[in-house]
Amino acid sequence: MSKQFFLNTALLLGVFLIPCVGNADDPPAPVIVVNGITITQQDYDNYFKVRAKQSEITPDEQTLLEELLQRELLRQDAIEKKLDKHPKFIEKLRYLRDSMLMAAAMQDNLKQHPLDDATLRAEYAMLEIPKEYKVRHILVETEEAAKAIIAELGQNKTFGELAKDKSIDTEAAKNNGDLGWITKQKVVPEFGDAMEKLEKGKYTTIPVKSKFGWHIIQLDETRNVALPSFESVKRQIINALENRQMQEYVRNLRKKAKFEILKKTD
């Protein structure tokens, strides 16, 4: 039997038909009738749109019709068995309804406060110009070992030689401890904070502890990185501002509400 007759369970359960309002004077044509229940062309079109978003490969018409048929057969069987009356189903349905209502409330709030181009460009203008650091490091397992290396650096031993001989970061050690050009965001916070405070040509005189071990860090050079174009980060700016709007929206709702959290937490 063709594979199209055995649908993936996720497809059957995960795709929801989105109701659309059609022309009342021109009712949609039926495409399938299952035990007296009609699946219309509008249902088919809605299902096609949802399925198309789920996969880069657009299913053929016969596959879509077969999926719609099987979904309706399963739906009718569940109704006949009164599964829609089961307490667990009702609870899940309530949760789904509440989730959809919350999403609708957030979308409505965003619609009421649209972001114009001027607002987006103002946010773009405030972006911090990123800085890159050209650094070396020596990584060891203990603070004592790190302090001993710092003492050797004070005796005019070269950073590169010590990195090759003693660093447990073997990849960097091959290059005299050189990590190349990195940003603060690409390293663990402790490393980034120490790196940011260094002057050019200096190294950390106090070992820096991270989850990887103990570091001695040397800063060779810094440079500013050109900001990406507005258009290339526009979507990220929109997402950030919309997230900020949502947080403010919920804060305002919280201020207006009368509530008491009764459950005690540790």
C-alpha atoms as a PDB file:
ATOM      1  CA  MET A   1       0.000   0.000   0.000  1.00  0.00           C
ATOM      2  CA  SER A   2       1.238   3.518  -0.765  1.00  0.00           C
ATOM      3  CA  LYS A   3       3.052   5.354   2.038  1.00  0.00           C
ATOM      4  CA  GLN A   4       0.556   8.218   1.755  1.00  0.00           C
ATOM      5  CA  PHE A   5      -2.025   6.083   3.559  1.00  0.00           C
ATOM      6  CA  PHE A   6       0.111   5.958   6.703  1.00  0.00           C
ATOM      7  CA  LEU A   7       0.469   9.454   8.035  1.00  0.00           C
ATOM      8  CA  ASN A   8       2.903  10.656  10.622  1.00  0.00           C
ATOM      9  CA  THR A   9       1.117  11.021  13.972  1.00  0.00           C
ATOM     10  CA  ALA A  10       2.621  14.472  14.464  1.00  0.00           C
ATOM     11  CA  LEU A  11       0.990  15.640  11.261  1.00  0.00           C
ATOM     12  CA  LEU A  12      -2.367  14.290  12.281  1.00  0.00           C
ATOM     13  CA  LEU A  13      -2.266  15.800  15.752  1.00  0.00           C
ATOM     14  CA  GLY A  14      -0.069  18.848  15.288  1.00  0.00           C
ATOM     15  CA  VAL A  15      -1.732  20.659  12.392  1.00  0.00           C
ATOM     16  CA  PHE A  16      -4.762  22.763  13.286  1.00  0.00           C
ATOM     17  CA  LEU A  17      -7.145  23.982  10.614  1.00  0.00           C
ATOM     18  CA  ILE A  18      -7.331  27.753  10.748  1.00  0.00           C
ATOM     19  CA  PRO A  19     -10.888  28.902  10.134  1.00  0.00           C
ATOM     20  CA  CYS A  20     -11.285  31.599   7.528  1.00  0.00           C
ATOM     21  CA  VAL A  21     -14.342  33.664   6.738  1.00  0.00           C
ATOM     22  CA  GLY A  22     -15.500  33.064   3.205  1.00  0.00           C
ATOM     23  CA  ASN A  23     -18.051  34.794   1.058  1.00  0.00           C
ATOM     24  CA  ALA A  24     -21.480  34.058   2.560  1.00  0.00           C
ATOM     25  CA  ASP A  25     -23.065  34.378  -0.893  1.00  0.00           C
ATOM     26  CA  ASP A  26     -20.663  31.862  -2.371  1.00  0.00           C
ATOM     27  CA  PRO A  27     -20.332  28.880   0.019  1.00  0.00           C
ATOM     28  CA  PRO A  28     -17.115  26.858  -0.440  1.00  0.00           C
ATOM     29  CA  ALA A  29     -17.388  23.739  -2.547  1.00  0.00           C
ATOM     30  CA  PRO A  30     -17.187  20.350  -0.811  1.00  0.00           C
ATOM     31  CA  VAL A  31     -14.080  18.241  -1.487  1.00  0.00           C
ATOM     32  CA  ILE A  32     -14.728  15.244   0.803  1.00  0.00           C
ATOM     33  CA  VAL A  33     -17.831  13.950   2.570  1.00  0.00           C
ATOM     34  CA  VAL A  34     -17.118  11.607   5.479  1.00  0.00           C
ATOM     35  CA  ASN A  35     -20.113   9.940   7.124  1.00  0.00           C
ATOM     36  CA  GLY A  36     -22.229  12.950   6.285  1.00  0.00           C
ATOM     37  CA  ILE A  37     -19.618  15.532   7.416  1.00  0.00           C
ATOM     38  CA  THR A  38     -18.391  17.846   4.669  1.00  0.00           C
ATOM     39  CA  ILE A  39     -14.784  18.976   4.280  1.00  0.00           C
ATOM     40  CA  THR A  40     -14.834  22.052   2.064  1.00  0.00           C
ATOM     41  CA  GLN A  41     -12.425  23.648  -0.357  1.00  0.00           C
ATOM     42  CA  GLN A  42     -11.864  26.316   2.307  1.00  0.00           C
ATOM     43  CA  ASP A  43     -10.811  23.610   4.778  1.00  0.00           C
ATOM     44  CA  TYR A  44      -8.473  22.205   2.136  1.00  0.00           C
ATOM     45  CA  ASP A  45      -6.943  25.620   1.404  1.00  0.00           C
ATOM     46  CA  ASN A  46      -6.415  26.349   5.102  1.00  0.00           C
ATOM     47  CA  TYR A  47      -4.804  22.961   5.650  1.00  0.00           C
ATOM     48  CA  PHE A  48      -2.560  23.442   2.628  1.00  0.00           C
ATOM     49  CA  LYS A  49      -1.238  26.752   4.025  1.00  0.00           C
ATOM     50  CA  VAL A  50      -0.402  25.217   7.385  1.00  0.00           C
ATOM     51  CA  ARG A  51       1.235  22.145   5.853  1.00  0.00           C
ATOM     52  CA  ALA A  52       3.279  24.276   3.472  1.00  0.00           C
ATOM     53  CA  LYS A  53       4.808  26.106   6.458  1.00  0.00           C
ATOM     54  CA  GLN A  54       5.846  22.830   8.058  1.00  0.00           C
ATOM     55  CA  SER A  55       7.962  21.511   5.227  1.00  0.00           C
ATOM     56  CA  GLU A  56      10.030  22.805   2.343  1.00  0.00           C
ATOM     57  CA  ILE A  57       8.477  20.077   0.189  1.00  0.00           C
ATOM     58  CA  THR A  58       4.896  20.926  -0.766  1.00  0.00           C
ATOM     59  CA  PRO A  59       2.712  17.805  -0.563  1.00  0.00           C
ATOM     60  CA  ASP A  60       0.709  16.868  -3.637  1.00  0.00           C
ATOM     61  CA  GLU A  61      -3.059  17.199  -3.800  1.00  0.00           C
ATOM     62  CA  GLN A  62      -3.745  13.487  -3.334  1.00  0.00           C
ATOM     63  CA  THR A  63      -1.603  13.393  -0.171  1.00  0.00           C
ATOM     64  CA  LEU A  64      -3.425  16.394   1.284  1.00  0.00           C
ATOM     65  CA  LEU A  65      -6.825  14.894   0.561  1.00  0.00           C
ATOM     66  CA  GLU A  66      -5.768  11.609   2.178  1.00  0.00           C
ATOM     67  CA  GLU A  67      -4.496  13.451   5.246  1.00  0.00           C
ATOM     68  CA  LEU A  68      -7.746  15.402   5.559  1.00  0.00           C
ATOM     69  CA  LEU A  69      -9.753  12.189   5.241  1.00  0.00           C
ATOM     70  CA  GLN A  70      -7.735  10.388   7.906  1.00  0.00           C
ATOM     71  CA  ARG A  71      -7.915  13.371  10.268  1.00  0.00           C
ATOM     72  CA  GLU A  72     -11.697  13.475   9.946  1.00  0.00           C
ATOM     73  CA  LEU A  73     -12.013   9.708  10.442  1.00  0.00           C
ATOM     74  CA  LEU A  74      -9.955   9.935  13.634  1.00  0.00           C
ATOM     75  CA  ARG A  75     -11.925  12.960  14.825  1.00  0.00           C
ATOM     76  CA  GLN A  76     -15.258  11.223  14.292  1.00  0.00           C
ATOM     77  CA  ASP A  77     -14.058   8.059  16.021  1.00  0.00           C
ATOM     78  CA  ALA A  78     -12.887  10.099  19.035  1.00  0.00           C
ATOM     79  CA  ILE A  79     -16.278  11.821  19.245  1.00  0.00           C
ATOM     80  CA  GLU A  80     -18.108   8.478  18.983  1.00  0.00           C
ATOM     81  CA  LYS A  81     -16.002   7.130  21.874  1.00  0.00           C
ATOM     82  CA  LYS A  82     -16.774  10.308  23.860  1.00  0.00           C
ATOM     83  CA  LEU A  83     -13.068  11.049  24.229  1.00  0.00           C
ATOM     84  CA  ASP A  84     -13.962  14.728  24.050  1.00  0.00           C
ATOM     85  CA  LYS A  85     -15.724  14.296  27.412  1.00  0.00           C
ATOM     86  CA  HIS A  86     -12.677  12.811  29.144  1.00  0.00           C
ATOM     87  CA  PRO A  87     -11.404  15.014  32.013  1.00  0.00           C
ATOM     88  CA  LYS A  88      -7.818  14.945  30.733  1.00  0.00           C
ATOM     89  CA  PHE A  89      -8.946  16.030  27.272  1.00  0.00           C
ATOM     90  CA  ILE A  90     -11.058  18.840  28.705  1.00  0.00           C
ATOM     91  CA  GLU A  91      -8.117  20.012  30.812  1.00  0.00           C
ATOM     92  CA  LYS A  92      -5.755  19.993  27.820  1.00  0.00           C
ATOM     93  CA  LEU A  93      -8.357  21.816  25.752  1.00  0.00           C
ATOM     94  CA  ARG A  94      -8.690  24.466  28.443  1.00  0.00           C
ATOM     95  CA  TYR A  95      -4.905  24.858  28.563  1.00  0.00           C
ATOM     96  CA  LEU A  96      -4.739  25.170  24.768  1.00  0.00           C
ATOM     97  CA  ARG A  97      -7.554  27.729  24.758  1.00  0.00           C
ATOM     98  CA  ASP A  98      -5.832  29.763  27.464  1.00  0.00           C
ATOM     99  CA  SER A  99      -2.535  29.639  25.558  1.00  0.00           C
ATOM    100  CA  MET A 100      -4.237  30.840  22.386  1.00  0.00           C
ATOM    101  CA  LEU A 101      -5.960  33.649  24.304  1.00  0.00           C
ATOM    102  CA  MET A 102      -2.660  34.775  25.806  1.00  0.00           C
ATOM    103  CA  ALA A 103      -1.056  34.768  22.372  1.00  0.00           C
ATOM    104  CA  ALA A 104      -4.004  36.733  20.989  1.00  0.00           C
ATOM    105  CA  ALA A 105      -3.680  39.302  23.801  1.00  0.00           C
ATOM    106  CA  MET A 106       0.008  39.798  23.061  1.00  0.00           C
ATOM    107  CA  GLN A 107      -0.569  40.076  19.324  1.00  0.00           C
ATOM    108  CA  ASP A 108      -3.346  42.604  19.942  1.00  0.00           C
ATOM    109  CA  ASN A 109      -1.031  44.672  22.142  1.00  0.00           C
ATOM    110  CA  LEU A 110       1.651  44.679  19.461  1.00  0.00           C
ATOM    111  CA  LYS A 111      -0.939  45.693  16.883  1.00  0.00           C
ATOM    112  CA  GLN A 112      -2.019  48.598  19.091  1.00  0.00           C
ATOM    113  CA  HIS A 113       1.603  49.780  19.406  1.00  0.00           C
ATOM    114  CA  PRO A 114       3.196  49.343  15.972  1.00  0.00           C
ATOM    115  CA  LEU A 115       6.908  49.991  15.555  1.00  0.00           C
ATOM    116  CA  ASP A 116       7.653  52.589  12.899  1.00  0.00           C
ATOM    117  CA  ASP A 117      10.881  52.911  10.956  1.00  0.00           C
ATOM    118  CA  ALA A 118      12.006  55.943  12.971  1.00  0.00           C
ATOM    119  CA  THR A 119      11.779  53.988  16.229  1.00  0.00           C
ATOM    120  CA  LEU A 120      13.758  51.096  14.752  1.00  0.00           C
ATOM    121  CA  ARG A 121      16.469  53.416  13.410  1.00  0.00           C
ATOM    122  CA  ALA A 122      16.704  55.216  16.764  1.00  0.00           C
ATOM    123  CA  GLU A 123      17.282  51.877  18.461  1.00  0.00           C
ATOM    124  CA  TYR A 124      19.881  50.990  15.812  1.00  0.00           C
ATOM    125  CA  ALA A 125      21.709  54.281  16.474  1.00  0.00           C
ATOM    126  CA  MET A 126      22.072  53.303  20.136  1.00  0.00           C
ATOM    127  CA  LEU A 127      23.728  49.973  19.378  1.00  0.00           C
ATOM    128  CA  GLU A 128      27.111  49.674  21.011  1.00  0.00           C
ATOM    129  CA  ILE A 129      30.008  49.428  18.570  1.00  0.00           C
ATOM    130  CA  PRO A 130      31.477  46.000  19.285  1.00  0.00           C
ATOM    131  CA  LYS A 131      35.146  45.646  20.181  1.00  0.00           C
ATOM    132  CA  GLU A 132      37.394  42.737  19.307  1.00  0.00           C
ATOM    133  CA  TYR A 133      40.395  41.681  21.363  1.00  0.00           C
ATOM    134  CA  LYS A 134      43.487  39.850  20.137  1.00  0.00           C
ATOM    135  CA  VAL A 135      44.533  37.800  23.149  1.00  0.00           C
ATOM    136  CA  ARG A 136      46.704  34.957  24.286  1.00  0.00           C
ATOM    137  CA  HIS A 137      46.131  32.806  27.302  1.00  0.00           C
ATOM    138  CA  ILE A 138      47.731  30.081  29.344  1.00  0.00           C
ATOM    139  CA  LEU A 139      45.315  27.633  30.954  1.00  0.00           C
ATOM    140  CA  VAL A 140      46.312  25.451  33.902  1.00  0.00           C
ATOM    141  CA  GLU A 141      44.466  23.314  36.406  1.00  0.00           C
ATOM    142  CA  THR A 142      45.375  25.006  39.690  1.00  0.00           C
ATOM    143  CA  GLU A 143      45.765  28.491  41.086  1.00  0.00           C
ATOM    144  CA  GLU A 144      49.243  27.599  42.344  1.00  0.00           C
ATOM    145  CA  ALA A 145      50.375  26.635  38.854  1.00  0.00           C
ATOM    146  CA  ALA A 146      48.949  29.884  37.462  1.00  0.00           C
ATOM    147  CA  LYS A 147      50.759  31.960  40.096  1.00  0.00           C
ATOM    148  CA  ALA A 148      54.020  30.171  39.313  1.00  0.00           C
ATOM    149  CA  ILE A 149      53.665  31.047  35.621  1.00  0.00           C
ATOM    150  CA  ILE A 150      52.926  34.688  36.468  1.00  0.00           C
ATOM    151  CA  ALA A 151      56.148  34.693  38.516  1.00  0.00           C
ATOM    152  CA  GLU A 152      58.073  33.313  35.523  1.00  0.00           C
ATOM    153  CA  LEU A 153      56.603  36.051  33.302  1.00  0.00           C
ATOM    154  CA  GLY A 154      57.954  38.514  35.824  1.00  0.00           C
ATOM    155  CA  GLN A 155      61.388  37.005  35.248  1.00  0.00           C
ATOM    156  CA  ASN A 156      61.181  37.945  31.550  1.00  0.00           C
ATOM    157  CA  LYS A 157      60.180  34.505  30.239  1.00  0.00           C
ATOM    158  CA  THR A 158      58.064  34.915  27.096  1.00  0.00           C
ATOM    159  CA  PHE A 159      54.331  34.339  27.175  1.00  0.00           C
ATOM    160  CA  GLY A 160      54.433  32.197  24.016  1.00  0.00           C
ATOM    161  CA  GLU A 161      57.079  29.825  25.335  1.00  0.00           C
ATOM    162  CA  LEU A 162      55.253  29.315  28.610  1.00  0.00           C
ATOM    163  CA  ALA A 163      51.975  28.737  26.773  1.00  0.00           C
ATOM    164  CA  LYS A 164      53.591  26.051  24.605  1.00  0.00           C
ATOM    165  CA  ASP A 165      55.191  24.335  27.579  1.00  0.00           C
ATOM    166  CA  LYS A 166      52.481  24.560  30.241  1.00  0.00           C
ATOM    167  CA  SER A 167      49.016  25.372  28.864  1.00  0.00           C
ATOM    168  CA  ILE A 168      46.443  22.593  28.923  1.00  0.00           C
ATOM    169  CA  ASP A 169      44.621  24.341  26.073  1.00  0.00           C
ATOM    170  CA  THR A 170      46.579  22.363  23.513  1.00  0.00           C
ATOM    171  CA  GLU A 171      45.125  24.060  20.430  1.00  0.00           C
ATOM    172  CA  ALA A 172      46.004  27.559  21.632  1.00  0.00           C
ATOM    173  CA  ALA A 173      49.338  26.319  22.972  1.00  0.00           C
ATOM    174  CA  LYS A 174      50.406  25.351  19.441  1.00  0.00           C
ATOM    175  CA  ASN A 175      50.072  29.051  18.535  1.00  0.00           C
ATOM    176  CA  ASN A 176      51.909  30.415  21.591  1.00  0.00           C
ATOM    177  CA  GLY A 177      48.579  30.705  23.432  1.00  0.00           C
ATOM    178  CA  ASP A 178      47.063  32.892  20.700  1.00  0.00           C
ATOM    179  CA  LEU A 179      43.243  32.824  20.562  1.00  0.00           C
ATOM    180  CA  GLY A 180      43.053  35.254  17.647  1.00  0.00           C
ATOM    181  CA  TRP A 181      40.455  38.029  17.498  1.00  0.00           C
ATOM    182  CA  ILE A 182      37.550  37.429  19.856  1.00  0.00           C
ATOM    183  CA  THR A 183      34.698  39.425  21.389  1.00  0.00           C
ATOM    184  CA  LYS A 184      33.691  39.475  25.024  1.00  0.00           C
ATOM    185  CA  GLN A 185      30.470  37.664  24.130  1.00  0.00           C
ATOM    186  CA  LYS A 186      32.389  34.650  22.788  1.00  0.00           C
ATOM    187  CA  VAL A 187      34.160  33.781  26.037  1.00  0.00           C
ATOM    188  CA  VAL A 188      33.054  32.913  29.562  1.00  0.00           C
ATOM    189  CA  PRO A 189      32.199  35.994  31.680  1.00  0.00           C
ATOM    190  CA  GLU A 190      35.235  35.774  33.985  1.00  0.00           C
ATOM    191  CA  PHE A 191      37.597  35.652  31.021  1.00  0.00           C
ATOM    192  CA  GLY A 192      35.780  38.460  29.214  1.00  0.00           C
ATOM    193  CA  ASP A 193      35.754  40.774  32.228  1.00  0.00           C
ATOM    194  CA  ALA A 194      39.484  40.326  32.828  1.00  0.00           C
ATOM    195  CA  MET A 195      40.313  40.725  29.134  1.00  0.00           C
ATOM    196  CA  GLU A 196      38.301  43.938  28.909  1.00  0.00           C
ATOM    197  CA  LYS A 197      40.242  45.549  31.764  1.00  0.00           C
ATOM    198  CA  LEU A 198      43.707  44.832  30.374  1.00  0.00           C
ATOM    199  CA  GLU A 199      45.924  47.418  28.739  1.00  0.00           C
ATOM    200  CA  LYS A 200      47.550  46.622  25.419  1.00  0.00           C
ATOM    201  CA  GLY A 201      50.654  44.480  25.909  1.00  0.00           C
ATOM    202  CA  LYS A 202      49.818  43.631  29.547  1.00  0.00           C
ATOM    203  CA  TYR A 203      48.861  40.335  31.145  1.00  0.00           C
ATOM    204  CA  THR A 204      46.769  39.455  34.189  1.00  0.00           C
ATOM    205  CA  THR A 205      48.893  39.438  37.329  1.00  0.00           C
ATOM    206  CA  ILE A 206      46.157  37.657  39.285  1.00  0.00           C
ATOM    207  CA  PRO A 207      44.984  34.244  37.969  1.00  0.00           C
ATOM    208  CA  VAL A 208      41.511  34.256  36.417  1.00  0.00           C
ATOM    209  CA  LYS A 209      39.309  31.321  37.428  1.00  0.00           C
ATOM    210  CA  SER A 210      36.667  29.906  35.084  1.00  0.00           C
ATOM    211  CA  LYS A 211      34.903  26.577  34.691  1.00  0.00           C
ATOM    212  CA  PHE A 212      37.820  25.457  32.490  1.00  0.00           C
ATOM    213  CA  GLY A 213      40.546  26.113  35.038  1.00  0.00           C
ATOM    214  CA  TRP A 214      42.912  29.027  35.803  1.00  0.00           C
ATOM    215  CA  HIS A 215      43.896  31.492  33.092  1.00  0.00           C
ATOM    216  CA  ILE A 216      46.705  33.955  32.558  1.00  0.00           C
ATOM    217  CA  ILE A 217      45.556  36.335  29.829  1.00  0.00           C
ATOM    218  CA  GLN A 218      47.616  38.706  27.705  1.00  0.00           C
ATOM    219  CA  LEU A 219      46.109  41.441  25.521  1.00  0.00           C
ATOM    220  CA  ASP A 220      47.993  42.039  22.259  1.00  0.00           C
ATOM    221  CA  GLU A 221      45.628  44.374  20.400  1.00  0.00           C
ATOM    222  CA  THR A 222      42.096  45.767  20.245  1.00  0.00           C
ATOM    223  CA  ARG A 223      39.946  47.054  17.396  1.00  0.00           C
ATOM    224  CA  ASN A 224      36.430  48.327  16.841  1.00  0.00           C
ATOM    225  CA  VAL A 225      34.217  46.314  14.531  1.00  0.00           C
ATOM    226  CA  ALA A 226      31.944  48.061  12.050  1.00  0.00           C
ATOM    227  CA  LEU A 227      28.263  47.737  12.881  1.00  0.00           C
ATOM    228  CA  PRO A 228      26.222  45.563  10.519  1.00  0.00           C
ATOM    229  CA  SER A 229      23.854  47.434   8.234  1.00  0.00           C
ATOM    230  CA  PHE A 230      20.465  48.513   9.560  1.00  0.00           C
ATOM    231  CA  GLU A 231      18.628  46.211   7.161  1.00  0.00           C
ATOM    232  CA  SER A 232      20.662  43.173   8.190  1.00  0.00           C
ATOM    233  CA  VAL A 233      19.739  43.582  11.876  1.00  0.00           C
ATOM    234  CA  LYS A 234      16.278  45.097  11.450  1.00  0.00           C
ATOM    235  CA  ARG A 235      14.461  41.867  12.291  1.00  0.00           C
ATOM    236  CA  GLN A 236      16.568  41.398  15.441  1.00  0.00           C
ATOM    237  CA  ILE A 237      15.769  44.967  16.529  1.00  0.00           C
ATOM    238  CA  ILE A 238      12.051  44.375  15.954  1.00  0.00           C
ATOM    239  CA  ASN A 239      12.190  41.169  17.994  1.00  0.00           C
ATOM    240  CA  ALA A 240      14.023  42.902  20.838  1.00  0.00           C
ATOM    241  CA  LEU A 241      11.618  45.859  20.928  1.00  0.00           C
ATOM    242  CA  GLU A 242       8.554  43.637  20.716  1.00  0.00           C
ATOM    243  CA  ASN A 243       9.885  41.546  23.577  1.00  0.00           C
ATOM    244  CA  ARG A 244      10.371  44.758  25.558  1.00  0.00           C
ATOM    245  CA  GLN A 245       6.794  45.790  24.727  1.00  0.00           C
ATOM    246  CA  MET A 246       5.487  42.448  25.962  1.00  0.00           C
ATOM    247  CA  GLN A 247       7.361  42.755  29.244  1.00  0.00           C
ATOM    248  CA  GLU A 248       5.983  46.263  29.767  1.00  0.00           C
ATOM    249  CA  TYR A 249       2.487  45.075  28.848  1.00  0.00           C
ATOM    250  CA  VAL A 250       2.594  42.321  31.480  1.00  0.00           C
ATOM    251  CA  ARG A 251       4.076  44.691  34.082  1.00  0.00           C
ATOM    252  CA  ASN A 252       1.173  47.101  33.548  1.00  0.00           C
ATOM    253  CA  LEU A 253      -1.367  44.295  33.860  1.00  0.00           C
ATOM    254  CA  ARG A 254       0.327  43.206  37.070  1.00  0.00           C
ATOM    255  CA  LYS A 255       0.167  46.739  38.508  1.00  0.00           C
ATOM    256  CA  LYS A 256      -3.572  46.980  37.838  1.00  0.00           C
ATOM    257  CA  ALA A 257      -4.428  43.520  39.173  1.00  0.00           C
ATOM    258  CA  LYS A 258      -5.307  42.472  42.693  1.00  0.00           C
ATOM    259  CA  PHE A 259      -3.602  39.148  43.352  1.00  0.00           C
ATOM    260  CA  GLU A 260      -2.036  37.055  46.074  1.00  0.00           C
ATOM    261  CA  ILE A 261       0.418  34.221  45.517  1.00  0.00           C
ATOM    262  CA  LEU A 262      -0.527  31.628  48.104  1.00  0.00           C
ATOM    263  CA  LYS A 263       1.998  28.897  47.319  1.00  0.00           C
ATOM    264  CA  LYS A 264       5.159  29.237  49.356  1.00  0.00           C
ATOM    265  CA  THR A 265       8.505  28.751  47.659  1.00  0.00           C
ATOM    266  CA  ASP A 266      11.829  27.719  49.134  1.00  0.00           C
END
